[in-house]
Structure formats: structure tokens, C-alpha cells
Amino acid sequence: MQDWPLEFPGAITVCDRDLTIVYMNDKSAKVFEKWGGASLLGKNLMGCHKPESIATMRRILETGEPNVYTIEKGGIRKLIYQAPWKRDGAIAGLVELSLELPTEMPHFVRS
């Protein structure tokens, strides 16, 4: 059961508090293939992000509040969910989930 993230259809990228990438699943490596793919493990995110993005990551690490938004790139819509992960109750880094969204997607309001 521990290997399920490897083949999960969404990209899962994890970094530590220093913003060093410590985990990428197969989809994440494919998404970031033109920048090095799996060879990005051990690399720091500060070398490939704008100052605004670094500030957002630092804010998540400090406040514990997630950053959630959607993007469209090359005609593909994605939900980006960035949130802290914890070890022994303390924020240890960030997880980013990138999930492709279908062009038509039902929305349900439930009570």
C-alpha cells in the first residue's frame, strides 16, 4: 500500500522546510521532465521559482495555510493544491498536488 503515490494520476511533489525536493511521484517527474524530471530530487526550489512564488511557499511554511488555485496551460486545466506536511506535529515542508481537471466537470452542493 505504501507505493500507491508512485502511479497516482496526479503529480505529487514534496519538499522540506529548506525548499529542497525530497519526493516526486512518476507523474511529477513527467510534468517537470523538460527541467530535469526525477533528477530534480535534491534540488532547491528557489533556483527555479519567481520571488513571489518563494514568498508564497515561505508563507505556507510559517502559517500552515494551504495555497489553492487553478491554472490552464496548453489547453489543460489543473487544480494546484499546496499545503504543509508535518512530522511530530511540526511543519516539515510542503506538498504540491497537481491534478488535471476535465473541461466539463460536475459540481454538487450537498447538505
Protein backbone atom coordinates (compact mmCIF):
# COMPACT_ATOMS: atom_id res chain seq x y z
CA MET A 1 0.00 0.00 0.00
CA GLN A 2 2.92 2.39 0.56
CA ASP A 3 3.75 2.58 -3.17
CA TRP A 4 0.36 3.91 -4.28
CA PRO A 5 1.61 7.50 -4.76
CA LEU A 6 4.12 6.41 -7.43
CA GLU A 7 1.46 5.66 -10.03
CA PHE A 8 -1.17 8.13 -8.78
CA PRO A 9 -2.51 10.02 -11.84
CA GLY A 10 -1.84 13.44 -10.28
CA ALA A 11 1.61 14.98 -9.77
CA ILE A 12 2.83 14.79 -6.17
CA THR A 13 5.91 16.86 -5.33
CA VAL A 14 7.26 17.18 -1.78
CA CYS A 15 9.94 19.49 -0.40
CA ASP A 16 11.43 20.00 3.04
CA ARG A 17 11.50 23.25 5.06
CA ASP A 18 14.56 24.41 3.12
CA LEU A 19 12.53 24.01 -0.12
CA THR A 20 14.65 21.08 -1.30
CA ILE A 21 12.70 18.50 -3.30
CA VAL A 22 12.60 15.23 -1.34
CA TYR A 23 9.96 13.28 -3.29
CA MET A 24 8.40 13.18 -6.76
CA ASN A 25 5.97 10.57 -8.00
CA ASP A 26 6.06 9.33 -11.61
CA LYS A 27 3.56 11.97 -12.81
CA SER A 28 5.54 14.77 -11.15
CA ALA A 29 8.75 13.61 -12.83
CA LYS A 30 6.92 13.58 -16.18
CA VAL A 31 5.35 17.03 -15.65
CA PHE A 32 8.79 18.51 -14.87
CA GLU A 33 10.64 16.41 -17.47
CA LYS A 34 11.90 19.37 -19.53
CA TRP A 35 13.51 20.79 -16.37
CA GLY A 36 15.16 17.52 -15.40
CA GLY A 37 12.32 15.27 -14.21
CA ALA A 38 13.38 12.86 -11.47
CA SER A 39 16.88 14.37 -11.45
CA LEU A 40 15.31 17.37 -9.66
CA LEU A 41 15.27 15.33 -6.45
CA GLY A 42 17.65 17.02 -4.04
CA LYS A 43 17.45 20.35 -5.92
CA ASN A 44 16.19 23.53 -4.27
CA LEU A 45 13.00 25.20 -5.49
CA MET A 46 14.49 28.67 -5.03
CA GLY A 47 16.58 28.17 -8.17
CA CYS A 48 13.55 27.77 -10.43
CA HIS A 49 10.76 29.93 -9.00
CA LYS A 50 9.97 33.65 -9.05
CA PRO A 51 10.40 35.62 -5.80
CA GLU A 52 6.58 35.84 -5.48
CA SER A 53 6.30 32.03 -5.56
CA ILE A 54 9.08 31.65 -2.99
CA ALA A 55 7.25 34.15 -0.75
CA THR A 56 4.07 32.08 -1.05
CA MET A 57 5.93 28.89 -0.12
CA ARG A 58 7.51 30.59 2.89
CA ARG A 59 4.08 31.89 3.95
CA ILE A 60 2.66 28.34 3.84
CA LEU A 61 5.59 27.09 5.93
CA GLU A 62 5.05 29.84 8.51
CA THR A 63 1.25 29.91 8.72
CA GLY A 64 0.32 26.35 7.81
CA GLU A 65 -2.37 27.73 5.49
CA PRO A 66 -2.64 26.00 2.10
CA ASN A 67 -2.44 27.79 -1.26
CA VAL A 68 -5.06 26.55 -3.72
CA TYR A 69 -5.72 27.72 -7.28
CA THR A 70 -6.42 26.56 -10.82
CA ILE A 71 -4.35 27.12 -13.94
CA GLU A 72 -4.66 26.41 -17.64
CA LYS A 73 -1.58 25.59 -19.68
CA GLY A 74 -1.54 24.14 -23.19
CA GLY A 75 -5.31 23.68 -23.05
CA ILE A 76 -5.08 21.54 -19.89
CA ARG A 77 -6.79 22.81 -16.74
CA LYS A 78 -5.26 21.88 -13.40
CA LEU A 79 -6.03 22.26 -9.73
CA ILE A 80 -2.90 23.13 -7.75
CA TYR A 81 -3.04 22.39 -4.03
CA GLN A 82 0.00 23.36 -1.95
CA ALA A 83 -0.05 22.57 1.75
CA PRO A 84 2.34 21.86 4.60
CA TRP A 85 3.19 18.34 5.74
CA LYS A 86 4.09 17.66 9.33
CA ARG A 87 6.45 15.46 11.30
CA ASP A 88 5.79 15.07 15.05
CA GLY A 89 3.28 17.93 14.87
CA ALA A 90 5.71 20.46 13.35
CA ILE A 91 5.64 21.70 9.77
CA ALA A 92 8.39 19.80 7.95
CA GLY A 93 7.87 21.02 4.39
CA LEU A 94 5.38 21.38 1.55
CA VAL A 95 3.36 19.03 -0.62
CA GLU A 96 2.11 20.13 -4.01
CA LEU A 97 -0.66 18.17 -5.71
CA SER A 98 -1.30 18.99 -9.37
CA LEU A 99 -4.48 17.40 -10.67
CA GLU A 100 -5.72 17.65 -14.27
CA LEU A 101 -9.33 18.77 -14.48
CA PRO A 102 -11.74 17.71 -17.21
CA THR A 103 -13.12 20.51 -19.40
CA GLU A 104 -16.64 19.73 -18.16
CA MET A 105 -16.83 18.83 -14.51
CA PRO A 106 -19.97 18.43 -12.40
CA HIS A 107 -20.25 20.45 -9.22
CA PHE A 108 -22.51 19.27 -6.40
CA VAL A 109 -23.75 21.21 -3.39
CA ARG A 110 -24.53 18.82 -0.57
CA SER A 111 -26.04 19.42 2.82
